[in-house]
């Protein structure tokens, strides 16, 4: 039997960075990039799930948390972003 839902696992850093990016996408005019209105349904669902899962997005130090997460996710020379400490989203 086919699984009715897809589970995506993200680290807390990945979730925070993706949440911020999705917020920017939703606020920008990206009609040239998203030419199919059906794409918005899953984007909104992912963004909403992330918002509920990340209480830190409302913290006073959100910008610092986001910057730190971005730094940790950026690969350094010889390294690549890893798949450790994933959290269900």
PDB file of N, CA and C in Angstrom:
ATOM      1  N   UNK A   1       0.839  -1.192   0.000  1.00  0.00           N
ATOM      2  CA  UNK A   1       0.000   0.000   0.000  1.00  0.00           C
ATOM      3  C   UNK A   1       0.879   1.248   0.000  1.00  0.00           C
ATOM      4  N   UNK A   2       0.497   2.206  -0.757  1.00  0.00           N
ATOM      5  CA  UNK A   2       1.250   3.445  -0.887  1.00  0.00           C
ATOM      6  C   UNK A   2       1.028   4.349   0.328  1.00  0.00           C
ATOM      7  N   UNK A   3       2.100   4.987   0.813  1.00  0.00           N
ATOM      8  CA  UNK A   3       2.013   5.897   1.943  1.00  0.00           C
ATOM      9  C   UNK A   3       1.301   7.175   1.493  1.00  0.00           C
ATOM     10  N   UNK A   4       0.245   7.612   2.175  1.00  0.00           N
ATOM     11  CA  UNK A   4      -0.533   8.761   1.729  1.00  0.00           C
ATOM     12  C   UNK A   4       0.168  10.110   1.935  1.00  0.00           C
ATOM     13  N   UNK A   5       1.219  10.147   2.735  1.00  0.00           N
ATOM     14  CA  UNK A   5       1.923  11.408   2.969  1.00  0.00           C
ATOM     15  C   UNK A   5       3.419  11.204   2.806  1.00  0.00           C
ATOM     16  N   UNK A   6       4.104  12.283   2.551  1.00  0.00           N
ATOM     17  CA  UNK A   6       5.554  12.290   2.424  1.00  0.00           C
ATOM     18  C   UNK A   6       6.116  12.942   3.677  1.00  0.00           C
ATOM     19  N   UNK A   7       7.103  12.323   4.277  1.00  0.00           N
ATOM     20  CA  UNK A   7       7.756  12.861   5.465  1.00  0.00           C
ATOM     21  C   UNK A   7       9.093  13.467   5.056  1.00  0.00           C
ATOM     22  N   UNK A   8       9.305  14.706   5.417  1.00  0.00           N
ATOM     23  CA  UNK A   8      10.562  15.392   5.134  1.00  0.00           C
ATOM     24  C   UNK A   8      11.243  15.662   6.464  1.00  0.00           C
ATOM     25  N   UNK A   9      12.499  15.284   6.574  1.00  0.00           N
ATOM     26  CA  UNK A   9      13.249  15.499   7.802  1.00  0.00           C
ATOM     27  C   UNK A   9      14.263  16.614   7.572  1.00  0.00           C
ATOM     28  N   UNK A  10      14.244  17.597   8.485  1.00  0.00           N
ATOM     29  CA  UNK A  10      15.161  18.726   8.424  1.00  0.00           C
ATOM     30  C   UNK A  10      15.820  18.915   9.777  1.00  0.00           C
ATOM     31  N   UNK A  11      17.038  19.409   9.757  1.00  0.00           N
ATOM     32  CA  UNK A  11      17.651  19.809  11.006  1.00  0.00           C
ATOM     33  C   UNK A  11      16.981  21.104  11.444  1.00  0.00           C
ATOM     34  N   UNK A  12      17.094  21.477  12.714  1.00  0.00           N
ATOM     35  CA  UNK A  12      16.540  22.760  13.138  1.00  0.00           C
ATOM     36  C   UNK A  12      17.110  23.938  12.326  1.00  0.00           C
ATOM     37  N   UNK A  13      18.390  23.901  12.006  1.00  0.00           N
ATOM     38  CA  UNK A  13      18.987  24.967  11.186  1.00  0.00           C
ATOM     39  C   UNK A  13      18.373  25.001   9.796  1.00  0.00           C
ATOM     40  N   UNK A  14      18.232  23.836   9.174  1.00  0.00           N
ATOM     41  CA  UNK A  14      17.622  23.771   7.843  1.00  0.00           C
ATOM     42  C   UNK A  14      16.192  24.292   7.872  1.00  0.00           C
ATOM     43  N   UNK A  15      15.449  23.905   8.889  1.00  0.00           N
ATOM     44  CA  UNK A  15      14.059  24.341   9.011  1.00  0.00           C
ATOM     45  C   UNK A  15      13.972  25.857   9.165  1.00  0.00           C
ATOM     46  N   UNK A  16      14.847  26.437   9.969  1.00  0.00           N
ATOM     47  CA  UNK A  16      14.830  27.880  10.194  1.00  0.00           C
ATOM     48  C   UNK A  16      15.161  28.644   8.913  1.00  0.00           C
ATOM     49  N   UNK A  17      16.200  28.210   8.220  1.00  0.00           N
ATOM     50  CA  UNK A  17      16.608  28.882   6.980  1.00  0.00           C
ATOM     51  C   UNK A  17      15.537  28.715   5.901  1.00  0.00           C
ATOM     52  N   UNK A  18      14.973  27.520   5.787  1.00  0.00           N
ATOM     53  CA  UNK A  18      13.927  27.291   4.790  1.00  0.00           C
ATOM     54  C   UNK A  18      12.681  28.110   5.119  1.00  0.00           C
ATOM     55  N   UNK A  19      12.318  28.185   6.380  1.00  0.00           N
ATOM     56  CA  UNK A  19      11.159  28.973   6.795  1.00  0.00           C
ATOM     57  C   UNK A  19      11.325  30.437   6.393  1.00  0.00           C
ATOM     58  N   UNK A  20      12.504  30.984   6.635  1.00  0.00           N
ATOM     59  CA  UNK A  20      12.762  32.377   6.278  1.00  0.00           C
ATOM     60  C   UNK A  20      12.682  32.570   4.766  1.00  0.00           C
ATOM     61  N   UNK A  21      13.260  31.649   4.006  1.00  0.00           N
ATOM     62  CA  UNK A  21      13.238  31.750   2.550  1.00  0.00           C
ATOM     63  C   UNK A  21      11.813  31.660   2.021  1.00  0.00           C
ATOM     64  N   UNK A  22      11.023  30.723   2.560  1.00  0.00           N
ATOM     65  CA  UNK A  22       9.638  30.600   2.119  1.00  0.00           C
ATOM     66  C   UNK A  22       8.842  31.863   2.419  1.00  0.00           C
ATOM     67  N   UNK A  23       9.103  32.483   3.544  1.00  0.00           N
ATOM     68  CA  UNK A  23       8.435  33.751   3.880  1.00  0.00           C
ATOM     69  C   UNK A  23       8.777  34.806   2.834  1.00  0.00           C
ATOM     70  N   UNK A  24      10.037  34.874   2.442  1.00  0.00           N
ATOM     71  CA  UNK A  24      10.448  35.839   1.419  1.00  0.00           C
ATOM     72  C   UNK A  24       9.783  35.535   0.074  1.00  0.00           C
ATOM     73  N   UNK A  25       9.692  34.270  -0.276  1.00  0.00           N
ATOM     74  CA  UNK A  25       9.053  33.871  -1.534  1.00  0.00           C
ATOM     75  C   UNK A  25       7.589  34.276  -1.527  1.00  0.00           C
ATOM     76  N   UNK A  26       6.908  34.037  -0.406  1.00  0.00           N
ATOM     77  CA  UNK A  26       5.487  34.346  -0.328  1.00  0.00           C
ATOM     78  C   UNK A  26       5.237  35.850  -0.397  1.00  0.00           C
ATOM     79  N   UNK A  27       6.178  36.651   0.050  1.00  0.00           N
ATOM     80  CA  UNK A  27       6.006  38.102   0.064  1.00  0.00           C
ATOM     81  C   UNK A  27       6.452  38.756  -1.256  1.00  0.00           C
ATOM     82  N   UNK A  28       7.204  38.042  -2.062  1.00  0.00           N
ATOM     83  CA  UNK A  28       7.746  38.606  -3.297  1.00  0.00           C
ATOM     84  C   UNK A  28       6.845  38.267  -4.480  1.00  0.00           C
ATOM     85  N   UNK A  29       7.007  39.017  -5.540  1.00  0.00           N
ATOM     86  CA  UNK A  29       6.296  38.720  -6.779  1.00  0.00           C
ATOM     87  C   UNK A  29       7.135  37.715  -7.561  1.00  0.00           C
ATOM     88  N   UNK A  30       6.794  36.449  -7.418  1.00  0.00           N
ATOM     89  CA  UNK A  30       7.558  35.395  -8.081  1.00  0.00           C
ATOM     90  C   UNK A  30       6.735  34.714  -9.169  1.00  0.00           C
ATOM     91  N   UNK A  31       5.792  35.432  -9.721  1.00  0.00           N
ATOM     92  CA  UNK A  31       4.913  34.846 -10.726  1.00  0.00           C
ATOM     93  C   UNK A  31       5.699  34.345 -11.942  1.00  0.00           C
ATOM     94  N   UNK A  32       6.853  34.944 -12.218  1.00  0.00           N
ATOM     95  CA  UNK A  32       7.664  34.467 -13.341  1.00  0.00           C
ATOM     96  C   UNK A  32       8.273  33.098 -13.031  1.00  0.00           C
ATOM     97  N   UNK A  33       8.575  32.847 -11.755  1.00  0.00           N
ATOM     98  CA  UNK A  33       9.176  31.575 -11.372  1.00  0.00           C
ATOM     99  C   UNK A  33       8.134  30.494 -11.103  1.00  0.00           C
ATOM    100  N   UNK A  34       7.027  30.889 -10.519  1.00  0.00           N
ATOM    101  CA  UNK A  34       5.976  29.932 -10.169  1.00  0.00           C
ATOM    102  C   UNK A  34       4.808  30.179 -11.109  1.00  0.00           C
ATOM    103  N   UNK A  35       4.826  29.435 -12.219  1.00  0.00           N
ATOM    104  CA  UNK A  35       3.829  29.652 -13.259  1.00  0.00           C
ATOM    105  C   UNK A  35       2.598  28.769 -13.104  1.00  0.00           C
ATOM    106  N   UNK A  36       2.612  27.864 -12.115  1.00  0.00           N
ATOM    107  CA  UNK A  36       1.475  26.980 -11.890  1.00  0.00           C
ATOM    108  C   UNK A  36       0.885  27.280 -10.511  1.00  0.00           C
ATOM    109  N   UNK A  37      -0.338  27.783 -10.443  1.00  0.00           N
ATOM    110  CA  UNK A  37      -0.946  28.111  -9.152  1.00  0.00           C
ATOM    111  C   UNK A  37      -1.029  26.929  -8.186  1.00  0.00           C
ATOM    112  N   UNK A  38      -0.992  25.713  -8.687  1.00  0.00           N
ATOM    113  CA  UNK A  38      -1.052  24.533  -7.819  1.00  0.00           C
ATOM    114  C   UNK A  38       0.171  24.430  -6.912  1.00  0.00           C
ATOM    115  N   UNK A  39       1.256  25.055  -7.289  1.00  0.00           N
ATOM    116  CA  UNK A  39       2.488  25.001  -6.486  1.00  0.00           C
ATOM    117  C   UNK A  39       2.313  25.722  -5.150  1.00  0.00           C
ATOM    118  N   UNK A  40       1.424  26.724  -5.113  1.00  0.00           N
ATOM    119  CA  UNK A  40       1.261  27.500  -3.883  1.00  0.00           C
ATOM    120  C   UNK A  40       0.696  26.684  -2.736  1.00  0.00           C
ATOM    121  N   UNK A  41      -0.170  25.712  -3.021  1.00  0.00           N
ATOM    122  CA  UNK A  41      -0.764  24.908  -1.942  1.00  0.00           C
ATOM    123  C   UNK A  41       0.304  24.189  -1.119  1.00  0.00           C
ATOM    124  N   UNK A  42       1.222  23.437  -1.751  1.00  0.00           N
ATOM    125  CA  UNK A  42       2.244  22.788  -0.926  1.00  0.00           C
ATOM    126  C   UNK A  42       3.218  23.778  -0.296  1.00  0.00           C
ATOM    127  N   UNK A  43       3.514  24.890  -0.981  1.00  0.00           N
ATOM    128  CA  UNK A  43       4.405  25.887  -0.376  1.00  0.00           C
ATOM    129  C   UNK A  43       3.803  26.476   0.891  1.00  0.00           C
ATOM    130  N   UNK A  44       2.522  26.801   0.843  1.00  0.00           N
ATOM    131  CA  UNK A  44       1.855  27.341   2.028  1.00  0.00           C
ATOM    132  C   UNK A  44       1.788  26.303   3.148  1.00  0.00           C
ATOM    133  N   UNK A  45       1.558  25.062   2.782  1.00  0.00           N
ATOM    134  CA  UNK A  45       1.490  24.004   3.798  1.00  0.00           C
ATOM    135  C   UNK A  45       2.841  23.809   4.477  1.00  0.00           C
ATOM    136  N   UNK A  46       3.904  23.771   3.705  1.00  0.00           N
ATOM    137  CA  UNK A  46       5.246  23.625   4.279  1.00  0.00           C
ATOM    138  C   UNK A  46       5.560  24.824   5.171  1.00  0.00           C
ATOM    139  N   UNK A  47       5.288  26.026   4.675  1.00  0.00           N
ATOM    140  CA  UNK A  47       5.567  27.233   5.461  1.00  0.00           C
ATOM    141  C   UNK A  47       4.773  27.233   6.765  1.00  0.00           C
ATOM    142  N   UNK A  48       3.512  26.849   6.701  1.00  0.00           N
ATOM    143  CA  UNK A  48       2.693  26.809   7.905  1.00  0.00           C
ATOM    144  C   UNK A  48       3.186  25.787   8.911  1.00  0.00           C
ATOM    145  N   UNK A  49       3.594  24.636   8.418  1.00  0.00           N
ATOM    146  CA  UNK A  49       4.131  23.595   9.297  1.00  0.00           C
ATOM    147  C   UNK A  49       5.412  24.068   9.961  1.00  0.00           C
ATOM    148  N   UNK A  50       6.267  24.721   9.192  1.00  0.00           N
ATOM    149  CA  UNK A  50       7.511  25.248   9.767  1.00  0.00           C
ATOM    150  C   UNK A  50       7.213  26.310  10.816  1.00  0.00           C
ATOM    151  N   UNK A  51       6.294  27.204  10.522  1.00  0.00           N
ATOM    152  CA  UNK A  51       5.942  28.259  11.481  1.00  0.00           C
ATOM    153  C   UNK A  51       5.474  27.669  12.810  1.00  0.00           C
ATOM    154  N   UNK A  52       4.668  26.602  12.753  1.00  0.00           N
ATOM    155  CA  UNK A  52       4.180  25.966  13.978  1.00  0.00           C
ATOM    156  C   UNK A  52       5.283  25.222  14.719  1.00  0.00           C
ATOM    157  N   UNK A  53       6.285  24.749  13.990  1.00  0.00           N
ATOM    158  CA  UNK A  53       7.346  23.932  14.576  1.00  0.00           C
ATOM    159  C   UNK A  53       8.526  24.745  15.084  1.00  0.00           C
ATOM    160  N   UNK A  54       8.568  26.019  14.757  1.00  0.00           N
ATOM    161  CA  UNK A  54       9.734  26.847  15.092  1.00  0.00           C
ATOM    162  C   UNK A  54       9.325  28.034  15.963  1.00  0.00           C
ATOM    163  N   UNK A  55       9.206  27.838  17.268  1.00  0.00           N
ATOM    164  CA  UNK A  55       8.830  28.966  18.121  1.00  0.00           C
ATOM    165  C   UNK A  55       9.871  30.091  18.091  1.00  0.00           C
ATOM    166  N   UNK A  56      11.099  29.777  17.714  1.00  0.00           N
ATOM    167  CA  UNK A  56      12.162  30.777  17.659  1.00  0.00           C
ATOM    168  C   UNK A  56      11.956  31.854  16.617  1.00  0.00           C
ATOM    169  N   UNK A  57      11.024  31.652  15.676  1.00  0.00           N
ATOM    170  CA  UNK A  57      10.814  32.684  14.654  1.00  0.00           C
ATOM    171  C   UNK A  57      10.190  33.942  15.240  1.00  0.00           C
ATOM    172  N   UNK A  58       9.662  33.835  16.454  1.00  0.00           N
ATOM    173  CA  UNK A  58       9.071  34.998  17.115  1.00  0.00           C
ATOM    174  C   UNK A  58       9.957  35.543  18.227  1.00  0.00           C
ATOM    175  N   UNK A  59      11.156  34.992  18.370  1.00  0.00           N
ATOM    176  CA  UNK A  59      12.067  35.419  19.427  1.00  0.00           C
ATOM    177  C   UNK A  59      12.692  36.767  19.084  1.00  0.00           C
ATOM    178  N   UNK A  60      13.042  37.511  20.107  1.00  0.00           N
ATOM    179  CA  UNK A  60      13.662  38.824  19.915  1.00  0.00           C
ATOM    180  C   UNK A  60      14.995  38.713  19.174  1.00  0.00           C
ATOM    181  N   UNK A  61      15.684  37.589  19.358  1.00  0.00           N
ATOM    182  CA  UNK A  61      16.989  37.411  18.714  1.00  0.00           C
ATOM    183  C   UNK A  61      16.895  36.557  17.438  1.00  0.00           C
ATOM    184  N   UNK A  62      15.735  36.607  16.780  1.00  0.00           N
ATOM    185  CA  UNK A  62      15.509  35.801  15.571  1.00  0.00           C
ATOM    186  C   UNK A  62      16.586  36.041  14.517  1.00  0.00           C
ATOM    187  N   UNK A  63      16.923  37.280  14.250  1.00  0.00           N
ATOM    188  CA  UNK A  63      17.912  37.585  13.206  1.00  0.00           C
ATOM    189  C   UNK A  63      19.252  36.936  13.519  1.00  0.00           C
ATOM    190  N   UNK A  64      19.657  36.963  14.776  1.00  0.00           N
ATOM    191  CA  UNK A  64      20.925  36.349  15.168  1.00  0.00           C
ATOM    192  C   UNK A  64      20.856  34.830  15.022  1.00  0.00           C
ATOM    193  N   UNK A  65      19.716  34.246  15.413  1.00  0.00           N
ATOM    194  CA  UNK A  65      19.539  32.795  15.272  1.00  0.00           C
ATOM    195  C   UNK A  65      19.597  32.388  13.803  1.00  0.00           C
ATOM    196  N   UNK A  66      18.939  33.173  12.957  1.00  0.00           N
ATOM    197  CA  UNK A  66      18.924  32.882  11.528  1.00  0.00           C
ATOM    198  C   UNK A  66      20.329  32.998  10.939  1.00  0.00           C
ATOM    199  N   UNK A  67      21.038  34.061  11.284  1.00  0.00           N
ATOM    200  CA  UNK A  67      22.417  34.224  10.786  1.00  0.00           C
ATOM    201  C   UNK A  67      23.307  33.068  11.225  1.00  0.00           C
ATOM    202  N   UNK A  68      23.177  32.646  12.478  1.00  0.00           N
ATOM    203  CA  UNK A  68      23.986  31.537  12.985  1.00  0.00           C
ATOM    204  C   UNK A  68      23.641  30.241  12.243  1.00  0.00           C
ATOM    205  N   UNK A  69      22.356  30.002  12.006  1.00  0.00           N
ATOM    206  CA  UNK A  69      21.940  28.801  11.276  1.00  0.00           C
ATOM    207  C   UNK A  69      22.488  28.820   9.858  1.00  0.00           C
ATOM    208  N   UNK A  70      22.430  29.957   9.210  1.00  0.00           N
ATOM    209  CA  UNK A  70      22.981  30.072   7.851  1.00  0.00           C
ATOM    210  C   UNK A  70      24.474  29.788   7.838  1.00  0.00           C
ATOM    211  N   UNK A  71      25.198  30.321   8.807  1.00  0.00           N
ATOM    212  CA  UNK A  71      26.647  30.076   8.875  1.00  0.00           C
ATOM    213  C   UNK A  71      26.933  28.588   9.045  1.00  0.00           C
ATOM    214  N   UNK A  72      26.167  27.928   9.904  1.00  0.00           N
ATOM    215  CA  UNK A  72      26.403  26.500  10.136  1.00  0.00           C
ATOM    216  C   UNK A  72      26.075  25.662   8.903  1.00  0.00           C
ATOM    217  N   UNK A  73      25.141  26.111   8.100  1.00  0.00           N
ATOM    218  CA  UNK A  73      24.740  25.341   6.923  1.00  0.00           C
ATOM    219  C   UNK A  73      25.622  25.572   5.705  1.00  0.00           C
ATOM    220  N   UNK A  74      26.294  26.701   5.678  1.00  0.00           N
ATOM    221  CA  UNK A  74      27.142  26.969   4.517  1.00  0.00           C
ATOM    222  C   UNK A  74      28.356  26.047   4.562  1.00  0.00           C
ATOM    223  N   UNK A  75      28.570  25.324   3.466  1.00  0.00           N
ATOM    224  CA  UNK A  75      29.736  24.440   3.440  1.00  0.00           C
ATOM    225  C   UNK A  75      31.033  25.252   3.470  1.00  0.00           C
ATOM    226  N   UNK A  76      31.980  24.732   4.204  1.00  0.00           N
ATOM    227  CA  UNK A  76      33.313  25.329   4.200  1.00  0.00           C
ATOM    228  C   UNK A  76      34.146  24.555   3.206  1.00  0.00           C
ATOM    229  N   UNK A  77      35.322  25.054   2.887  1.00  0.00           N
ATOM    230  CA  UNK A  77      36.163  24.355   1.921  1.00  0.00           C
ATOM    231  C   UNK A  77      36.403  22.927   2.373  1.00  0.00           C
ATOM    232  N   UNK A  78      36.112  21.976   1.507  1.00  0.00           N
ATOM    233  CA  UNK A  78      36.318  20.574   1.814  1.00  0.00           C
ATOM    234  C   UNK A  78      35.172  19.921   2.553  1.00  0.00           C
ATOM    235  N   UNK A  79      34.198  20.706   3.010  1.00  0.00           N
ATOM    236  CA  UNK A  79      33.053  20.162   3.732  1.00  0.00           C
ATOM    237  C   UNK A  79      31.805  20.283   2.878  1.00  0.00           C
ATOM    238  N   UNK A  80      30.784  19.548   3.284  1.00  0.00           N
ATOM    239  CA  UNK A  80      29.459  19.728   2.696  1.00  0.00           C
ATOM    240  C   UNK A  80      28.450  19.666   3.815  1.00  0.00           C
ATOM    241  N   UNK A  81      27.272  20.264   3.603  1.00  0.00           N
ATOM    242  CA  UNK A  81      26.226  20.262   4.622  1.00  0.00           C
ATOM    243  C   UNK A  81      25.818  18.824   4.894  1.00  0.00           C
ATOM    244  N   UNK A  82      25.652  18.470   6.180  1.00  0.00           N
ATOM    245  CA  UNK A  82      25.365  17.095   6.562  1.00  0.00           C
ATOM    246  C   UNK A  82      23.895  16.847   6.808  1.00  0.00           C
ATOM    247  N   UNK A  83      23.580  15.588   7.106  1.00  0.00           N
ATOM    248  CA  UNK A  83      22.201  15.180   7.351  1.00  0.00           C
ATOM    249  C   UNK A  83      21.987  14.795   8.804  1.00  0.00           C
ATOM    250  N   UNK A  84      22.799  15.293   9.722  1.00  0.00           N
ATOM    251  CA  UNK A  84      22.669  14.868  11.103  1.00  0.00           C
ATOM    252  C   UNK A  84      21.647  15.687  11.866  1.00  0.00           C
ATOM    253  N   UNK A  85      21.179  15.152  12.957  1.00  0.00           N
ATOM    254  CA  UNK A  85      20.243  15.793  13.863  1.00  0.00           C
ATOM    255  C   UNK A  85      18.978  16.282  13.162  1.00  0.00           C
ATOM    256  N   UNK A  86      18.425  15.462  12.292  1.00  0.00           N
ATOM    257  CA  UNK A  86      17.208  15.837  11.573  1.00  0.00           C
ATOM    258  C   UNK A  86      16.014  15.886  12.525  1.00  0.00           C
ATOM    259  N   UNK A  87      15.112  16.791  12.238  1.00  0.00           N
ATOM    260  CA  UNK A  87      13.856  16.898  12.995  1.00  0.00           C
ATOM    261  C   UNK A  87      12.707  16.784  12.015  1.00  0.00           C
ATOM    262  N   UNK A  88      11.675  16.057  12.400  1.00  0.00           N
ATOM    263  CA  UNK A  88      10.489  15.956  11.539  1.00  0.00           C
ATOM    264  C   UNK A  88       9.806  17.301  11.450  1.00  0.00           C
ATOM    265  N   UNK A  89       9.406  17.637  10.257  1.00  0.00           N
ATOM    266  CA  UNK A  89       8.661  18.875  10.029  1.00  0.00           C
ATOM    267  C   UNK A  89       7.393  18.546   9.314  1.00  0.00           C
TER     268      UNK A  89
END
